[in-house]
Amino acid sequence: MADDTRNALSRVPVEITISVGRAHPTVSELLTLRRDAVLPLDRGVDDPVELYAGDRLIARGQLQADESGSGRLAVRLTEVSEPDGVA
């Protein structure tokens, strides 16, 4: 790949999805959900979260407060997947 193309591609933003857990309600339970309802997840507060680019798992990490003091959440990476084709 030419350096110009590689440099251009390296600046393309990628959306990362953070999965904190899954819920498995019945349709009946979904239909009764209202404001302030609690939907239990299959993970604990201190369990790792998973980071996805599209449908590909790319890393795992721990949720934490953003160090900038903005009150936002951040993820500290604890495990990063190897890119395809890397031994």
PDB file of N, CA and C in Angstrom:
ATOM      1  N   MET A   1       0.856  -1.176   0.000  1.00  0.00           N
ATOM      2  CA  MET A   1       0.000   0.000   0.000  1.00  0.00           C
ATOM      3  C   MET A   1       0.898   1.234   0.000  1.00  0.00           C
ATOM      4  N   ALA A   2       0.596   2.179  -0.848  1.00  0.00           N
ATOM      5  CA  ALA A   2       1.400   3.393  -0.944  1.00  0.00           C
ATOM      6  C   ALA A   2       1.306   4.182   0.352  1.00  0.00           C
ATOM      7  N   ASP A   3       2.395   4.904   0.694  1.00  0.00           N
ATOM      8  CA  ASP A   3       2.421   5.685   1.934  1.00  0.00           C
ATOM      9  C   ASP A   3       1.312   6.724   1.981  1.00  0.00           C
ATOM     10  N   ASP A   4       1.001   7.367   0.825  1.00  0.00           N
ATOM     11  CA  ASP A   4      -0.061   8.382   0.804  1.00  0.00           C
ATOM     12  C   ASP A   4      -1.410   7.769   1.172  1.00  0.00           C
ATOM     13  N   THR A   5      -1.692   6.588   0.643  1.00  0.00           N
ATOM     14  CA  THR A   5      -2.953   5.915   0.940  1.00  0.00           C
ATOM     15  C   THR A   5      -2.991   5.490   2.401  1.00  0.00           C
ATOM     16  N   ARG A   6      -1.888   4.944   2.886  1.00  0.00           N
ATOM     17  CA  ARG A   6      -1.818   4.508   4.286  1.00  0.00           C
ATOM     18  C   ARG A   6      -2.015   5.705   5.214  1.00  0.00           C
ATOM     19  N   ASN A   7      -1.406   6.829   4.924  1.00  0.00           N
ATOM     20  CA  ASN A   7      -1.569   8.030   5.753  1.00  0.00           C
ATOM     21  C   ASN A   7      -3.008   8.536   5.726  1.00  0.00           C
ATOM     22  N   ALA A   8      -3.631   8.506   4.554  1.00  0.00           N
ATOM     23  CA  ALA A   8      -5.021   8.959   4.446  1.00  0.00           C
ATOM     24  C   ALA A   8      -5.942   8.023   5.238  1.00  0.00           C
ATOM     25  N   LEU A   9      -5.728   6.721   5.132  1.00  0.00           N
ATOM     26  CA  LEU A   9      -6.565   5.764   5.856  1.00  0.00           C
ATOM     27  C   LEU A   9      -6.373   5.869   7.360  1.00  0.00           C
ATOM     28  N   SER A  10      -5.174   6.208   7.801  1.00  0.00           N
ATOM     29  CA  SER A  10      -4.916   6.271   9.241  1.00  0.00           C
ATOM     30  C   SER A  10      -5.684   7.406   9.917  1.00  0.00           C
ATOM     31  N   ARG A  11      -6.216   8.347   9.147  1.00  0.00           N
ATOM     32  CA  ARG A  11      -6.967   9.473   9.712  1.00  0.00           C
ATOM     33  C   ARG A  11      -8.483   9.272   9.662  1.00  0.00           C
ATOM     34  N   VAL A  12      -8.935   8.132   9.144  1.00  0.00           N
ATOM     35  CA  VAL A  12     -10.368   7.861   9.064  1.00  0.00           C
ATOM     36  C   VAL A  12     -10.873   7.481  10.459  1.00  0.00           C
ATOM     37  N   PRO A  13     -11.886   8.183  10.975  1.00  0.00           N
ATOM     38  CA  PRO A  13     -12.410   7.840  12.302  1.00  0.00           C
ATOM     39  C   PRO A  13     -13.154   6.505  12.267  1.00  0.00           C
ATOM     40  N   VAL A  14     -13.040   5.764  13.349  1.00  0.00           N
ATOM     41  CA  VAL A  14     -13.707   4.472  13.489  1.00  0.00           C
ATOM     42  C   VAL A  14     -14.553   4.522  14.753  1.00  0.00           C
ATOM     43  N   GLU A  15     -15.813   4.111  14.656  1.00  0.00           N
ATOM     44  CA  GLU A  15     -16.668   4.069  15.837  1.00  0.00           C
ATOM     45  C   GLU A  15     -16.410   2.778  16.607  1.00  0.00           C
ATOM     46  N   ILE A  16     -16.171   2.911  17.899  1.00  0.00           N
ATOM     47  CA  ILE A  16     -15.939   1.785  18.781  1.00  0.00           C
ATOM     48  C   ILE A  16     -17.168   1.642  19.682  1.00  0.00           C
ATOM     49  N   THR A  17     -17.684   0.436  19.805  1.00  0.00           N
ATOM     50  CA  THR A  17     -18.803   0.143  20.688  1.00  0.00           C
ATOM     51  C   THR A  17     -18.277  -0.582  21.911  1.00  0.00           C
ATOM     52  N   ILE A  18     -18.711  -0.144  23.088  1.00  0.00           N
ATOM     53  CA  ILE A  18     -18.302  -0.765  24.346  1.00  0.00           C
ATOM     54  C   ILE A  18     -19.485  -1.572  24.864  1.00  0.00           C
ATOM     55  N   SER A  19     -19.276  -2.866  25.070  1.00  0.00           N
ATOM     56  CA  SER A  19     -20.332  -3.737  25.586  1.00  0.00           C
ATOM     57  C   SER A  19     -20.077  -3.988  27.063  1.00  0.00           C
ATOM     58  N   VAL A  20     -21.032  -3.574  27.894  1.00  0.00           N
ATOM     59  CA  VAL A  20     -20.903  -3.762  29.341  1.00  0.00           C
ATOM     60  C   VAL A  20     -21.637  -5.013  29.804  1.00  0.00           C
ATOM     61  N   GLY A  21     -22.428  -5.634  28.938  1.00  0.00           N
ATOM     62  CA  GLY A  21     -23.139  -6.847  29.301  1.00  0.00           C
ATOM     63  C   GLY A  21     -24.345  -7.053  28.417  1.00  0.00           C
ATOM     64  N   ARG A  22     -24.996  -8.173  28.651  1.00  0.00           N
ATOM     65  CA  ARG A  22     -26.185  -8.519  27.879  1.00  0.00           C
ATOM     66  C   ARG A  22     -27.323  -8.849  28.841  1.00  0.00           C
ATOM     67  N   ALA A  23     -28.543  -8.597  28.372  1.00  0.00           N
ATOM     68  CA  ALA A  23     -29.751  -8.944  29.117  1.00  0.00           C
ATOM     69  C   ALA A  23     -30.547  -9.916  28.265  1.00  0.00           C
ATOM     70  N   HIS A  24     -31.330 -10.751  28.908  1.00  0.00           N
ATOM     71  CA  HIS A  24     -32.112 -11.756  28.187  1.00  0.00           C
ATOM     72  C   HIS A  24     -33.557 -11.773  28.686  1.00  0.00           C
ATOM     73  N   PRO A  25     -34.250 -10.634  28.526  1.00  0.00           N
ATOM     74  CA  PRO A  25     -35.652 -10.599  28.975  1.00  0.00           C
ATOM     75  C   PRO A  25     -36.554 -11.320  27.978  1.00  0.00           C
ATOM     76  N   THR A  26     -37.722 -11.713  28.439  1.00  0.00           N
ATOM     77  CA  THR A  26     -38.736 -12.256  27.537  1.00  0.00           C
ATOM     78  C   THR A  26     -39.439 -11.090  26.841  1.00  0.00           C
ATOM     79  N   VAL A  27     -40.157 -11.376  25.795  1.00  0.00           N
ATOM     80  CA  VAL A  27     -40.928 -10.341  25.105  1.00  0.00           C
ATOM     81  C   VAL A  27     -41.933  -9.725  26.070  1.00  0.00           C
ATOM     82  N   SER A  28     -42.536 -10.548  26.885  1.00  0.00           N
ATOM     83  CA  SER A  28     -43.505 -10.056  27.868  1.00  0.00           C
ATOM     84  C   SER A  28     -42.849  -9.049  28.812  1.00  0.00           C
ATOM     85  N   GLU A  29     -41.641  -9.367  29.286  1.00  0.00           N
ATOM     86  CA  GLU A  29     -40.922  -8.439  30.176  1.00  0.00           C
ATOM     87  C   GLU A  29     -40.571  -7.145  29.460  1.00  0.00           C
ATOM     88  N   LEU A  30     -40.178  -7.235  28.189  1.00  0.00           N
ATOM     89  CA  LEU A  30     -39.869  -6.021  27.415  1.00  0.00           C
ATOM     90  C   LEU A  30     -41.093  -5.126  27.270  1.00  0.00           C
ATOM     91  N   LEU A  31     -42.240  -5.721  27.056  1.00  0.00           N
ATOM     92  CA  LEU A  31     -43.460  -4.942  26.856  1.00  0.00           C
ATOM     93  C   LEU A  31     -43.906  -4.219  28.116  1.00  0.00           C
ATOM     94  N   THR A  32     -43.450  -4.675  29.275  1.00  0.00           N
ATOM     95  CA  THR A  32     -43.848  -4.029  30.528  1.00  0.00           C
ATOM     96  C   THR A  32     -42.808  -3.029  31.034  1.00  0.00           C
ATOM     97  N   LEU A  33     -41.695  -2.858  30.315  1.00  0.00           N
ATOM     98  CA  LEU A  33     -40.668  -1.911  30.762  1.00  0.00           C
ATOM     99  C   LEU A  33     -41.192  -0.484  30.752  1.00  0.00           C
ATOM    100  N   ARG A  34     -40.894   0.217  31.787  1.00  0.00           N
ATOM    101  CA  ARG A  34     -41.272   1.626  31.926  1.00  0.00           C
ATOM    102  C   ARG A  34     -40.071   2.395  32.437  1.00  0.00           C
ATOM    103  N   ARG A  35     -40.206   3.692  32.464  1.00  0.00           N
ATOM    104  CA  ARG A  35     -39.154   4.548  33.009  1.00  0.00           C
ATOM    105  C   ARG A  35     -38.794   4.086  34.423  1.00  0.00           C
ATOM    106  N   ASP A  36     -37.500   4.090  34.729  1.00  0.00           N
ATOM    107  CA  ASP A  36     -36.930   3.678  36.012  1.00  0.00           C
ATOM    108  C   ASP A  36     -36.932   2.168  36.233  1.00  0.00           C
ATOM    109  N   ALA A  37     -37.335   1.402  35.227  1.00  0.00           N
ATOM    110  CA  ALA A  37     -37.230  -0.057  35.343  1.00  0.00           C
ATOM    111  C   ALA A  37     -35.746  -0.436  35.339  1.00  0.00           C
ATOM    112  N   VAL A  38     -35.424  -1.530  35.963  1.00  0.00           N
ATOM    113  CA  VAL A  38     -34.040  -2.018  36.012  1.00  0.00           C
ATOM    114  C   VAL A  38     -33.960  -3.312  35.221  1.00  0.00           C
ATOM    115  N   LEU A  39     -33.042  -3.363  34.272  1.00  0.00           N
ATOM    116  CA  LEU A  39     -32.838  -4.532  33.432  1.00  0.00           C
ATOM    117  C   LEU A  39     -31.503  -5.162  33.825  1.00  0.00           C
ATOM    118  N   PRO A  40     -31.525  -6.267  34.555  1.00  0.00           N
ATOM    119  CA  PRO A  40     -30.276  -6.883  35.013  1.00  0.00           C
ATOM    120  C   PRO A  40     -29.425  -7.380  33.843  1.00  0.00           C
ATOM    121  N   LEU A  41     -28.121  -7.191  33.957  1.00  0.00           N
ATOM    122  CA  LEU A  41     -27.180  -7.668  32.945  1.00  0.00           C
ATOM    123  C   LEU A  41     -26.494  -8.936  33.433  1.00  0.00           C
ATOM    124  N   ASP A  42     -25.814  -9.610  32.508  1.00  0.00           N
ATOM    125  CA  ASP A  42     -25.142 -10.865  32.841  1.00  0.00           C
ATOM    126  C   ASP A  42     -23.728 -10.674  33.389  1.00  0.00           C
ATOM    127  N   ARG A  43     -23.352  -9.435  33.706  1.00  0.00           N
ATOM    128  CA  ARG A  43     -22.011  -9.167  34.218  1.00  0.00           C
ATOM    129  C   ARG A  43     -22.087  -8.309  35.468  1.00  0.00           C
ATOM    130  N   GLY A  44     -20.998  -8.383  36.248  1.00  0.00           N
ATOM    131  CA  GLY A  44     -20.899  -7.573  37.449  1.00  0.00           C
ATOM    132  C   GLY A  44     -20.270  -6.222  37.159  1.00  0.00           C
ATOM    133  N   VAL A  45     -20.352  -5.333  38.128  1.00  0.00           N
ATOM    134  CA  VAL A  45     -19.827  -3.969  37.987  1.00  0.00           C
ATOM    135  C   VAL A  45     -18.331  -3.972  37.698  1.00  0.00           C
ATOM    136  N   ASP A  46     -17.591  -4.895  38.290  1.00  0.00           N
ATOM    137  CA  ASP A  46     -16.135  -4.920  38.118  1.00  0.00           C
ATOM    138  C   ASP A  46     -15.662  -5.844  37.002  1.00  0.00           C
ATOM    139  N   ASP A  47     -16.580  -6.479  36.281  1.00  0.00           N
ATOM    140  CA  ASP A  47     -16.185  -7.364  35.181  1.00  0.00           C
ATOM    141  C   ASP A  47     -15.665  -6.542  34.002  1.00  0.00           C
ATOM    142  N   PRO A  48     -14.794  -7.134  33.182  1.00  0.00           N
ATOM    143  CA  PRO A  48     -14.277  -6.410  32.014  1.00  0.00           C
ATOM    144  C   PRO A  48     -15.387  -6.085  31.013  1.00  0.00           C
ATOM    145  N   VAL A  49     -15.186  -5.005  30.282  1.00  0.00           N
ATOM    146  CA  VAL A  49     -16.068  -4.643  29.176  1.00  0.00           C
ATOM    147  C   VAL A  49     -15.366  -5.035  27.883  1.00  0.00           C
ATOM    148  N   GLU A  50     -16.129  -5.162  26.799  1.00  0.00           N
ATOM    149  CA  GLU A  50     -15.566  -5.546  25.513  1.00  0.00           C
ATOM    150  C   GLU A  50     -15.687  -4.387  24.533  1.00  0.00           C
ATOM    151  N   LEU A  51     -14.642  -4.164  23.739  1.00  0.00           N
ATOM    152  CA  LEU A  51     -14.619  -3.109  22.735  1.00  0.00           C
ATOM    153  C   LEU A  51     -14.728  -3.742  21.360  1.00  0.00           C
ATOM    154  N   TYR A  52     -15.668  -3.232  20.562  1.00  0.00           N
ATOM    155  CA  TYR A  52     -15.901  -3.753  19.225  1.00  0.00           C
ATOM    156  C   TYR A  52     -15.736  -2.646  18.185  1.00  0.00           C
ATOM    157  N   ALA A  53     -15.108  -3.009  17.061  1.00  0.00           N
ATOM    158  CA  ALA A  53     -15.099  -2.177  15.854  1.00  0.00           C
ATOM    159  C   ALA A  53     -15.975  -2.950  14.870  1.00  0.00           C
ATOM    160  N   GLY A  54     -17.159  -2.439  14.602  1.00  0.00           N
ATOM    161  CA  GLY A  54     -18.135  -3.223  13.845  1.00  0.00           C
ATOM    162  C   GLY A  54     -18.529  -4.409  14.704  1.00  0.00           C
ATOM    163  N   ASP A  55     -18.444  -5.609  14.143  1.00  0.00           N
ATOM    164  CA  ASP A  55     -18.764  -6.799  14.927  1.00  0.00           C
ATOM    165  C   ASP A  55     -17.512  -7.545  15.387  1.00  0.00           C
ATOM    166  N   ARG A  56     -16.356  -6.917  15.250  1.00  0.00           N
ATOM    167  CA  ARG A  56     -15.085  -7.561  15.611  1.00  0.00           C
ATOM    168  C   ARG A  56     -14.621  -7.120  16.998  1.00  0.00           C
ATOM    169  N   LEU A  57     -14.402  -8.091  17.876  1.00  0.00           N
ATOM    170  CA  LEU A  57     -13.867  -7.816  19.199  1.00  0.00           C
ATOM    171  C   LEU A  57     -12.409  -7.386  19.040  1.00  0.00           C
ATOM    172  N   ILE A  58     -12.069  -6.173  19.520  1.00  0.00           N
ATOM    173  CA  ILE A  58     -10.705  -5.681  19.350  1.00  0.00           C
ATOM    174  C   ILE A  58      -9.951  -5.530  20.666  1.00  0.00           C
ATOM    175  N   ALA A  59     -10.674  -5.488  21.793  1.00  0.00           N
ATOM    176  CA  ALA A  59      -9.993  -5.311  23.075  1.00  0.00           C
ATOM    177  C   ALA A  59     -10.967  -5.543  24.224  1.00  0.00           C
ATOM    178  N   ARG A  60     -10.399  -5.650  25.418  1.00  0.00           N
ATOM    179  CA  ARG A  60     -11.183  -5.696  26.658  1.00  0.00           C
ATOM    180  C   ARG A  60     -10.579  -4.680  27.606  1.00  0.00           C
ATOM    181  N   GLY A  61     -11.382  -4.226  28.568  1.00  0.00           N
ATOM    182  CA  GLY A  61     -10.870  -3.241  29.509  1.00  0.00           C
ATOM    183  C   GLY A  61     -11.780  -3.069  30.704  1.00  0.00           C
ATOM    184  N   GLN A  62     -11.421  -2.106  31.541  1.00  0.00           N
ATOM    185  CA  GLN A  62     -12.167  -1.780  32.752  1.00  0.00           C
ATOM    186  C   GLN A  62     -12.735  -0.372  32.628  1.00  0.00           C
ATOM    187  N   LEU A  63     -14.005  -0.216  32.990  1.00  0.00           N
ATOM    188  CA  LEU A  63     -14.598   1.116  33.011  1.00  0.00           C
ATOM    189  C   LEU A  63     -13.969   1.937  34.131  1.00  0.00           C
ATOM    190  N   GLN A  64     -13.793   3.217  33.882  1.00  0.00           N
ATOM    191  CA  GLN A  64     -13.303   4.134  34.902  1.00  0.00           C
ATOM    192  C   GLN A  64     -13.749   5.541  34.537  1.00  0.00           C
ATOM    193  N   ALA A  65     -13.601   6.446  35.475  1.00  0.00           N
ATOM    194  CA  ALA A  65     -13.904   7.852  35.202  1.00  0.00           C
ATOM    195  C   ALA A  65     -12.801   8.430  34.333  1.00  0.00           C
ATOM    196  N   ASP A  66     -13.176   9.274  33.380  1.00  0.00           N
ATOM    197  CA  ASP A  66     -12.205   9.955  32.526  1.00  0.00           C
ATOM    198  C   ASP A  66     -11.306  10.819  33.401  1.00  0.00           C
ATOM    199  N   GLU A  67     -10.005  10.734  33.190  1.00  0.00           N
ATOM    200  CA  GLU A  67      -9.044  11.453  34.025  1.00  0.00           C
ATOM    201  C   GLU A  67      -9.056  12.962  33.828  1.00  0.00           C
ATOM    202  N   SER A  68      -9.792  13.457  32.818  1.00  0.00           N
ATOM    203  CA  SER A  68      -9.841  14.899  32.572  1.00  0.00           C
ATOM    204  C   SER A  68     -10.746  15.614  33.567  1.00  0.00           C
ATOM    205  N   GLY A  69     -11.503  14.842  34.372  1.00  0.00           N
ATOM    206  CA  GLY A  69     -12.418  15.462  35.328  1.00  0.00           C
ATOM    207  C   GLY A  69     -13.724  15.892  34.698  1.00  0.00           C
ATOM    208  N   SER A  70     -14.012  15.417  33.476  1.00  0.00           N
ATOM    209  CA  SER A  70     -15.214  15.829  32.761  1.00  0.00           C
ATOM    210  C   SER A  70     -16.477  15.104  33.247  1.00  0.00           C
ATOM    211  N   GLY A  71     -16.298  14.083  34.086  1.00  0.00           N
ATOM    212  CA  GLY A  71     -17.440  13.308  34.533  1.00  0.00           C
ATOM    213  C   GLY A  71     -17.857  12.234  33.543  1.00  0.00           C
ATOM    214  N   ARG A  72     -17.088  12.067  32.479  1.00  0.00           N
ATOM    215  CA  ARG A  72     -17.403  11.064  31.465  1.00  0.00           C
ATOM    216  C   ARG A  72     -16.751   9.729  31.810  1.00  0.00           C
ATOM    217  N   LEU A  73     -17.274   8.674  31.232  1.00  0.00           N
ATOM    218  CA  LEU A  73     -16.681   7.353  31.391  1.00  0.00           C
ATOM    219  C   LEU A  73     -15.537   7.166  30.404  1.00  0.00           C
ATOM    220  N   ALA A  74     -14.605   6.304  30.781  1.00  0.00           N
ATOM    221  CA  ALA A  74     -13.494   5.936  29.914  1.00  0.00           C
ATOM    222  C   ALA A  74     -13.254   4.445  30.099  1.00  0.00           C
ATOM    223  N   VAL A  75     -12.419   3.869  29.260  1.00  0.00           N
ATOM    224  CA  VAL A  75     -12.052   2.461  29.368  1.00  0.00           C
ATOM    225  C   VAL A  75     -10.540   2.350  29.413  1.00  0.00           C
ATOM    226  N   ARG A  76     -10.027   1.685  30.449  1.00  0.00           N
ATOM    227  CA  ARG A  76      -8.595   1.376  30.528  1.00  0.00           C
ATOM    228  C   ARG A  76      -8.415  -0.003  29.919  1.00  0.00           C
ATOM    229  N   LEU A  77      -7.656  -0.089  28.811  1.00  0.00           N
ATOM    230  CA  LEU A  77      -7.485  -1.356  28.100  1.00  0.00           C
ATOM    231  C   LEU A  77      -6.630  -2.307  28.923  1.00  0.00           C
ATOM    232  N   THR A  78      -7.098  -3.551  29.021  1.00  0.00           N
ATOM    233  CA  THR A  78      -6.359  -4.586  29.738  1.00  0.00           C
ATOM    234  C   THR A  78      -5.905  -5.708  28.799  1.00  0.00           C
ATOM    235  N   GLU A  79      -6.511  -5.755  27.617  1.00  0.00           N
ATOM    236  CA  GLU A  79      -6.181  -6.799  26.643  1.00  0.00           C
ATOM    237  C   GLU A  79      -6.516  -6.256  25.259  1.00  0.00           C
ATOM    238  N   VAL A  80      -5.580  -6.373  24.308  1.00  0.00           N
ATOM    239  CA  VAL A  80      -5.808  -5.917  22.945  1.00  0.00           C
ATOM    240  C   VAL A  80      -5.632  -7.106  22.019  1.00  0.00           C
ATOM    241  N   SER A  81      -6.603  -7.323  21.127  1.00  0.00           N
ATOM    242  CA  SER A  81      -6.556  -8.430  20.182  1.00  0.00           C
ATOM    243  C   SER A  81      -5.492  -8.162  19.127  1.00  0.00           C
ATOM    244  N   GLU A  82      -4.863  -9.221  18.659  1.00  0.00           N
ATOM    245  CA  GLU A  82      -3.899  -9.106  17.556  1.00  0.00           C
ATOM    246  C   GLU A  82      -4.659  -8.902  16.245  1.00  0.00           C
ATOM    247  N   PRO A  83      -4.155  -8.032  15.369  1.00  0.00           N
ATOM    248  CA  PRO A  83      -4.794  -7.874  14.059  1.00  0.00           C
ATOM    249  C   PRO A  83      -4.731  -9.191  13.283  1.00  0.00           C
ATOM    250  N   ASP A  84      -5.695  -9.425  12.391  1.00  0.00           N
ATOM    251  CA  ASP A  84      -5.668 -10.630  11.554  1.00  0.00           C
ATOM    252  C   ASP A  84      -4.357 -10.685  10.782  1.00  0.00           C
ATOM    253  N   GLY A  85      -3.835 -11.873  10.652  1.00  0.00           N
ATOM    254  CA  GLY A  85      -2.620 -12.063   9.865  1.00  0.00           C
ATOM    255  C   GLY A  85      -1.344 -11.867  10.670  1.00  0.00           C
ATOM    256  N   VAL A  86      -1.457 -11.504  11.954  1.00  0.00           N
ATOM    257  CA  VAL A  86      -0.262 -11.334  12.769  1.00  0.00           C
ATOM    258  C   VAL A  86      -0.090 -12.575  13.612  1.00  0.00           C
ATOM    259  N   ALA A  87       1.076 -13.180  13.555  1.00  0.00           N
ATOM    260  CA  ALA A  87       1.317 -14.407  14.322  1.00  0.00           C
ATOM    261  C   ALA A  87       1.796 -14.096  15.709  1.00  0.00           C
TER     262      ALA A  87
END
